Protein backbone atom coordinates (compact mmCIF):
# COMPACT_ATOMS: atom_id res chain seq x y z
CA MET A 1 1.74 71.35 44.04
CA VAL A 2 2.85 67.81 43.28
CA GLY A 3 0.81 64.77 43.21
CA VAL A 4 -2.55 67.65 44.18
CA PRO A 5 -5.03 67.46 41.46
CA GLY A 6 -5.82 70.34 39.97
CA ARG A 7 -3.03 72.51 41.60
CA SER A 8 -0.40 71.95 38.61
CA LYS A 9 0.82 74.98 36.91
CA ALA A 10 2.25 72.68 34.02
CA CYS A 11 0.96 73.07 30.44
CA VAL A 12 -1.66 70.47 29.61
CA THR A 13 1.00 68.85 27.05
CA CYS A 14 2.97 67.92 30.19
CA ARG A 15 0.59 67.22 32.73
CA ARG A 16 -0.70 64.80 30.59
CA ARG A 17 2.85 63.30 29.20
CA LYS A 18 3.53 63.61 33.22
CA LYS A 19 6.73 65.56 32.76
CA GLY A 20 8.39 68.36 34.03
CA CYS A 21 7.40 72.24 32.54
CA ASP A 22 9.34 75.32 32.54
CA LYS A 23 6.06 77.06 32.49
CA LYS A 24 7.30 79.57 30.14
CA VAL A 25 4.18 81.32 28.10
CA PRO A 26 2.98 81.69 25.26
CA PHE A 27 4.28 77.70 24.53
CA CYS A 28 6.23 75.64 27.17
CA GLY A 29 9.97 75.42 26.39
CA GLN A 30 9.98 71.56 26.87
CA CYS A 31 7.05 71.49 24.27
CA LEU A 32 9.02 73.18 21.71
CA ALA A 33 12.37 71.46 22.48
CA LEU A 34 10.95 68.03 21.70
CA GLY A 35 9.22 69.52 18.37
CA ILE A 36 5.47 68.47 19.97
CA PRO A 37 2.25 71.21 20.16
CA CYS A 38 2.00 72.71 23.52
CA GLU A 39 -1.61 73.02 24.40
CA GLY A 40 -1.42 76.04 26.40
CA TYR A 41 -1.97 76.58 29.98
CA GLU A 42 -6.01 76.83 30.18
CA ARG A 43 -7.55 73.31 31.17
CA GLN A 44 -9.78 71.41 29.04
CA GLN A 45 -13.88 71.91 29.83
CA ILE A 46 -15.73 68.38 30.12
CA TRP A 47 -19.34 68.71 28.90
CA LEU A 48 -21.70 66.07 30.06
CA ASN A 49 -25.07 66.19 28.15
CA SER A 50 -27.59 65.70 30.65
CA GLU A 51 -31.70 66.08 30.63
CA GLY A 52 -33.10 67.17 33.28
CA SER A 53 -36.83 65.89 33.94
CA SER A 54 -38.06 69.98 34.78
CA GLN A 55 -35.06 71.51 33.77
CA LYS A 56 -36.97 74.48 31.26
CA SER A 57 -35.26 77.82 32.32
CA TYR A 58 -31.65 79.06 33.97
CA THR A 59 -30.73 81.70 35.26
CA LYS A 60 -27.78 84.51 34.38
CA SER A 61 -26.77 86.51 37.48
CA PRO A 62 -25.50 90.23 36.32
CA SER A 63 -22.37 91.44 36.32
CA ARG A 64 -21.10 92.97 39.61
CA SER A 65 -19.08 95.83 40.02
CA PRO A 66 -17.09 96.82 43.15
CA SER A 67 -19.61 99.79 44.08
CA SER A 68 -22.17 97.33 43.98
CA SER A 69 -24.44 96.58 47.20
CA PRO A 70 -24.41 93.11 48.58
CA SER A 71 -28.34 93.28 48.06
CA SER A 72 -28.32 94.28 44.41
CA SER A 73 -25.72 91.14 43.59
CA ASN A 74 -27.76 88.67 45.05
CA SER A 75 -30.55 89.44 42.33
CA GLU A 76 -31.11 87.60 39.52
CA SER A 77 -32.60 87.93 36.27
CA VAL A 78 -34.66 84.64 35.14
CA VAL A 79 -34.15 83.92 31.49
CA ILE A 80 -37.35 81.36 30.33
CA LEU A 81 -36.25 79.42 27.37
CA HIS A 82 -38.63 78.96 24.51
CA ASP A 83 -40.39 75.89 24.46
CA SER A 84 -39.43 75.13 20.91
CA LEU A 85 -35.88 74.71 22.58
CA THR A 86 -37.48 72.10 25.07
CA ARG A 87 -38.24 70.00 22.04
CA THR A 88 -35.90 67.60 20.24
CA ALA A 89 -34.00 68.89 17.24
CA ARG A 90 -34.45 66.20 15.33
CA ALA A 91 -38.47 66.68 15.76
CA GLN A 92 -38.27 70.29 14.91
CA LYS A 93 -36.30 69.37 12.02
CA PHE A 94 -39.03 66.67 10.60
CA THR A 95 -42.02 69.34 11.51
CA GLY A 96 -40.39 71.67 9.86
CA LEU A 97 -39.67 70.39 6.49
CA PHE A 98 -43.36 69.05 6.66
CA TRP A 99 -44.53 72.48 7.20
CA SER A 100 -41.83 73.87 4.56
CA ASP A 101 -43.46 71.20 1.79
CA TYR A 102 -47.34 71.41 2.82
CA LEU A 103 -47.50 75.27 2.99
CA SER A 104 -45.72 76.26 -0.20
CA GLY A 105 -42.17 76.62 0.70
CA GLY A 106 -43.28 77.43 4.48
CA SER A 107 -44.35 80.84 3.30
CA GLY A 108 -48.33 79.89 3.25
CA TYR A 109 -50.50 80.76 0.77
CA SER A 110 -50.99 84.00 -1.11
CA LEU A 111 -53.67 86.20 -0.32
CA LYS A 112 -55.16 85.33 -3.43
CA ALA A 113 -54.80 81.62 -3.48
CA SER A 114 -55.93 81.53 0.38
CA GLY A 115 -59.17 82.83 -0.81
CA ILE A 116 -59.61 79.13 -2.41
CA THR A 117 -58.22 77.53 0.14
CA SER A 118 -59.27 75.26 3.31
CA THR A 119 -56.28 75.17 5.38
CA LYS A 120 -55.73 79.04 6.57
CA TRP A 121 -55.82 77.44 10.40
CA MET A 122 -52.33 75.93 9.59
CA LYS A 123 -50.82 79.33 10.54
CA LEU A 124 -52.82 78.70 13.90
CA TYR A 125 -50.70 75.43 14.64
CA GLU A 126 -47.67 76.91 16.53
CA ALA A 127 -50.34 78.43 19.38
CA LEU A 128 -52.71 75.16 19.33
CA SER A 129 -49.77 72.64 19.54
CA GLU A 130 -48.42 74.35 22.63
CA VAL A 131 -51.89 73.60 24.44
CA GLU A 132 -52.82 70.20 22.87
CA ALA A 133 -49.92 67.90 22.85
CA SER A 134 -51.70 65.34 20.23
CA LEU A 135 -51.55 67.88 17.78
CA GLN A 136 -47.69 67.62 18.40
CA TYR A 137 -47.38 63.76 17.57
CA VAL A 138 -49.70 63.98 14.45
CA ALA A 139 -47.83 66.52 13.20
CA MET A 140 -44.59 64.10 13.87
CA ALA A 141 -46.27 61.68 12.48
CA LEU A 142 -46.95 63.36 9.30
CA SER A 143 -43.84 64.73 9.06
CA THR A 144 -41.48 61.40 9.27
CA ALA A 145 -44.59 59.40 7.26
CA THR A 146 -43.68 62.18 4.32
CA LEU A 147 -40.06 62.08 4.54
CA GLY A 148 -40.09 58.47 4.75
CA ALA A 149 -42.31 57.98 1.88
CA THR A 150 -39.98 60.32 -0.57
CA ASN A 151 -36.90 58.47 0.62
CA ASN A 152 -38.12 54.95 0.60
CA ASP A 153 -37.22 54.54 4.30
CA THR A 154 -38.73 51.57 6.34
CA GLN A 155 -37.59 52.88 9.26
CA LEU A 156 -39.30 56.66 9.38
CA LEU A 157 -42.78 54.94 8.27
CA GLY A 158 -42.43 52.69 11.39
CA LYS A 159 -41.72 55.96 13.21
CA SER A 160 -44.55 57.55 11.68
CA GLN A 161 -46.92 54.79 12.58
CA GLN A 162 -45.83 55.27 16.35
CA ALA A 163 -46.36 59.18 16.71
CA TYR A 164 -49.59 58.39 15.38
CA GLY A 165 -50.24 56.09 18.16
CA LEU A 166 -49.44 58.22 20.66
CA ALA A 167 -51.23 61.25 18.98
CA MET A 168 -54.51 58.77 19.23
CA GLN A 169 -53.26 57.69 23.11
CA GLN A 170 -53.18 61.59 23.95
CA MET A 171 -56.33 62.26 22.22
CA ALA A 172 -58.20 59.70 24.21
CA THR A 173 -56.58 61.36 27.15
CA SER A 174 -57.93 65.15 26.35
CA PHE A 175 -61.01 64.06 25.82
CA ILE A 176 -61.79 63.04 29.27
CA SER A 177 -59.51 65.78 30.72
CA PRO A 178 -61.71 68.83 32.38
CA SER A 179 -58.88 71.26 31.21
CA ARG A 180 -59.02 70.24 27.49
CA ASN A 181 -58.62 72.64 24.59
CA LYS A 182 -61.27 71.96 22.52
CA ASP A 183 -59.54 74.25 19.93
CA GLY A 184 -56.67 72.40 19.85
CA ILE A 185 -58.14 69.02 19.71
CA LEU A 186 -60.27 70.08 16.27
CA ALA A 187 -57.02 71.12 14.96
CA ALA A 188 -55.40 67.52 15.60
CA ILE A 189 -58.81 66.05 14.09
CA GLN A 190 -58.50 67.98 11.06
CA LEU A 191 -54.91 66.81 10.78
CA MET A 192 -55.31 63.50 11.43
CA ARG A 193 -57.67 63.20 8.81
CA VAL A 194 -54.70 64.65 6.59
CA TYR A 195 -52.98 61.66 8.16
CA GLU A 196 -55.23 59.08 6.90
CA GLN A 197 -56.03 60.61 3.47
CA LEU A 198 -52.44 59.90 2.43
CA PHE A 199 -50.96 56.68 5.43
CA GLY A 200 -53.72 55.74 6.72
CA THR A 201 -53.31 52.06 8.22
CA GLY A 202 -55.49 48.86 8.66
CA ILE A 203 -55.91 46.69 11.43
CA SER A 204 -53.69 43.95 10.00
CA ALA A 205 -50.88 43.81 7.62
CA ALA A 206 -52.73 43.05 4.73
CA GLN A 207 -54.91 45.95 4.95
CA LYS A 208 -52.33 48.57 5.39
CA ASN A 209 -52.29 51.55 2.98
CA SER A 210 -55.46 49.81 0.85
CA PRO A 211 -57.75 52.24 -0.20
CA VAL A 212 -60.80 50.52 1.93
CA SER A 213 -58.88 51.14 5.08
CA GLN A 214 -57.94 54.59 4.06
CA ILE A 215 -61.63 55.06 3.50
CA LYS A 216 -62.88 53.99 6.85
CA GLY A 217 -60.34 55.75 8.60
CA PHE A 218 -61.02 58.68 7.10
CA ARG A 219 -64.77 58.29 7.78
CA LYS A 220 -63.99 57.63 11.48
CA HIS A 221 -62.20 60.80 11.68
CA ILE A 222 -64.95 62.55 9.86
CA ASP A 223 -67.66 61.29 12.54
CA GLY A 224 -65.64 62.48 15.45
CA GLU A 225 -64.88 65.86 14.66
CA THR A 226 -68.97 66.24 13.37
CA ALA A 227 -69.74 64.74 16.75
CA LEU A 228 -67.35 67.27 18.30
CA ILE A 229 -68.72 70.28 16.54
CA LEU A 230 -71.84 69.73 17.50
CA SER A 231 -71.18 68.46 20.93
CA ARG A 232 -70.33 72.30 21.14
CA GLY A 233 -73.09 73.43 19.12
CA PRO A 234 -73.44 77.34 17.18
CA GLU A 235 -74.24 78.79 20.49
CA ASP A 236 -70.88 77.92 21.96
CA SER A 237 -68.57 80.81 22.85
CA TRP A 238 -66.20 79.52 19.71
CA SER A 239 -62.89 81.60 19.82
CA SER A 240 -61.36 83.02 16.49
CA MET A 241 -58.89 80.09 15.94
CA GLY A 242 -61.77 77.82 16.74
CA LYS A 243 -64.18 79.73 14.15
CA GLN A 244 -61.24 79.51 12.08
CA LEU A 245 -61.06 76.03 12.11
CA LEU A 246 -64.81 75.45 11.60
CA ALA A 247 -64.66 77.20 8.20
CA ASP A 248 -61.60 75.37 7.20
CA GLY A 249 -63.50 72.00 8.05
CA ARG A 250 -66.90 72.86 6.46
CA LEU A 251 -65.76 71.66 2.74
CA THR A 252 -64.52 68.32 3.98
CA LEU A 253 -67.04 67.52 6.23
CA ILE A 254 -69.78 68.45 3.63
CA ASN A 255 -67.84 66.61 1.01
CA ALA A 256 -68.51 63.17 3.27
CA TYR A 257 -71.93 63.67 3.22
CA ILE A 258 -72.82 64.19 -0.37
CA SER A 259 -70.58 60.99 -0.90
CA ARG A 260 -72.67 59.21 1.79
CA ARG A 261 -76.35 61.16 -0.08
CA LYS A 262 -77.14 62.03 3.83
CA ARG A 263 -78.54 65.11 5.02
CA SER A 264 -75.88 67.12 6.44
CA PRO A 265 -76.31 68.70 10.24
CA TYR A 266 -74.84 71.71 9.48
CA ASN A 267 -78.04 73.17 7.52
CA ASN A 268 -79.69 73.02 10.37
CA GLY A 269 -79.04 75.93 13.21
CA TRP A 270 -75.22 76.33 11.94
CA LYS A 271 -76.43 78.03 8.40
CA GLN A 272 -78.24 80.69 10.51
CA SER A 273 -75.32 81.48 12.90
CA GLN A 274 -72.92 81.48 10.09
CA LEU A 275 -69.90 81.64 12.91
CA TRP A 276 -67.43 81.74 10.06
CA ARG A 277 -68.24 85.03 8.67
CA SER A 278 -66.53 87.05 11.27
CA VAL A 279 -63.48 84.95 10.38
CA THR A 280 -63.52 84.62 6.69
CA ASN A 281 -66.07 85.44 3.90
CA SER A 282 -64.12 83.93 0.87
CA PRO A 283 -64.98 82.63 -2.34
CA LEU A 284 -64.82 79.42 -0.94
CA ASN A 285 -66.67 79.77 1.55
CA GLN A 286 -69.82 81.72 -0.02
CA LEU A 287 -69.74 78.14 -2.31
CA ILE A 288 -70.23 76.35 0.86
CA ASP A 289 -72.73 78.30 1.90
CA ILE A 290 -74.71 76.57 -1.39
CA LEU A 291 -72.81 73.22 -1.00
CA VAL A 292 -74.19 72.22 2.44
CA GLU A 293 -77.67 71.92 0.80
CA VAL A 294 -76.58 69.23 -2.02
CA PRO A 295 -76.71 66.09 0.72
CA ALA A 296 -80.25 66.92 1.65
CA LEU A 297 -81.11 67.06 -2.23
CA LEU A 298 -79.07 63.68 -2.81
CA GLU A 299 -81.11 61.79 0.21
CA ASP A 300 -84.66 63.65 -1.03
CA LEU A 301 -83.81 62.59 -4.69
CA ASP A 302 -83.18 58.97 -3.52
CA ASN A 303 -86.57 58.87 -1.49
CA PHE A 304 -88.34 60.11 -4.52
CA ARG A 305 -87.03 57.68 -6.81
CA ASP A 306 -88.46 55.02 -4.11
CA THR A 307 -91.88 56.91 -3.20
CA LEU A 308 -92.27 59.09 -6.83
CA SER A 309 -93.92 61.59 -4.15
CA ILE A 310 -95.52 64.39 -6.43
CA GLU A 311 -94.69 66.90 -3.22
CA LEU A 312 -91.21 65.48 -2.81
CA TYR A 313 -90.62 66.36 -6.41
CA ASN A 314 -91.75 70.13 -6.50
CA SER A 315 -89.84 70.19 -3.12
CA LEU A 316 -86.67 69.32 -4.96
CA LEU A 317 -87.29 71.32 -8.12
CA THR A 318 -87.77 74.30 -5.90
CA ARG A 319 -84.33 73.95 -4.15
CA CYS A 320 -82.54 72.99 -6.96
CA ARG A 321 -83.50 75.97 -8.53
CA THR A 322 -82.82 78.38 -5.74
CA CYS A 323 -79.14 76.56 -5.85
CA GLU A 324 -78.45 77.44 -9.12
CA GLY A 325 -79.64 80.77 -8.87
CA SER A 326 -77.26 80.97 -5.91
CA PHE A 327 -74.40 79.92 -8.05
CA THR A 328 -75.22 82.37 -11.00
CA GLY A 329 -75.76 85.28 -8.18
CA THR A 330 -72.36 84.08 -6.73
C-alpha cells in the first residue's frame, strides 16, 4: 500500500529511489532497464549493539510442528552463555596473548619441566578467576603491560596501571567480604608479585620502574601473602587448589626470608603438616623442604658473630651438616 510504512512490495532499490516497481523476480524490470543493481525484495536488517546490565542468557524456542500441543509449544529451553562470552573480546585477546607467552606458547610446561617449576597453579587460573574478580584485573594488568612494553605503547602501559589499581581495590573489597574465596585471593596476590617484579611502580613519577620501588612493592605482597597463609594455618581445610598455590608459592616466600636473613615462619608446624605432599612431590619441592632451614641458619649465624656462643656454634654446625646430608641424599 502506498504511503503506509512497511507495506510496500517494491524492491529495496525502488523503495529507496521512491520509484514505481514492476515487482518482477528475481530482479526488478525497472532496475534492469536503467542498468542499476537491484537489491531484491527482502528488507535490510538493522542491528543495534546494546549491552544490557543483566543480559547474560538467551532463550531459544523449539521448532513447532502442526501436531504439537499448546502446552508443548510454550515450553522453552534456556541456553546459558559461557562466562567468557560476557567479557569483552579485547580483554580475552590481551589475556590470552599474555598466557601464551608466559606458559610456553599457551600449552604449559612439559611433564618433566613441571617438576622444576613453581607455576602449576597457572593452569587453575580460569577456575579461580571466575570466583575472584581481582585475579581477572591483575591478569589484565599483566597482559596490557607486557604488550605495551613489547610494542613501546605508552597508552597500554597506562591502561595496565589502571587495571592494577582496580585489582588492588577489588582485593580490599574481597578481604572484608564474608563470602570471599581464599584460594582466589591467594592466587591474585601471587600474580601481583609477578606484576611488581616486572612492572612495579613507585609513589612518584621519579620512582617509577626504579629497582628500589619494585623491591618495596614486591616485599609488600610477600608480607601480605605470608599473613594470609599464616591466618589460615596448617590445620585449615585447604582445598586441592589451595594446596597447589601453597606448594608453588613456597619457593618465593622462602627466598624472601633468605634475603632478609630472618627465620621463616614455614619451618614451625608447616614442615610437619606438609600440605603440598598431596598435590606434588616434585624434585623442586624436595629441594624447598631443605631450603626452608636456610633463613634460620643465616639468622643464627649473624647472632653467633655478635655473641660468639659456643653452644650456638655447635648447633649451627650440626644443622648445616644435616642440610648437607639432605642435599646429597636427595
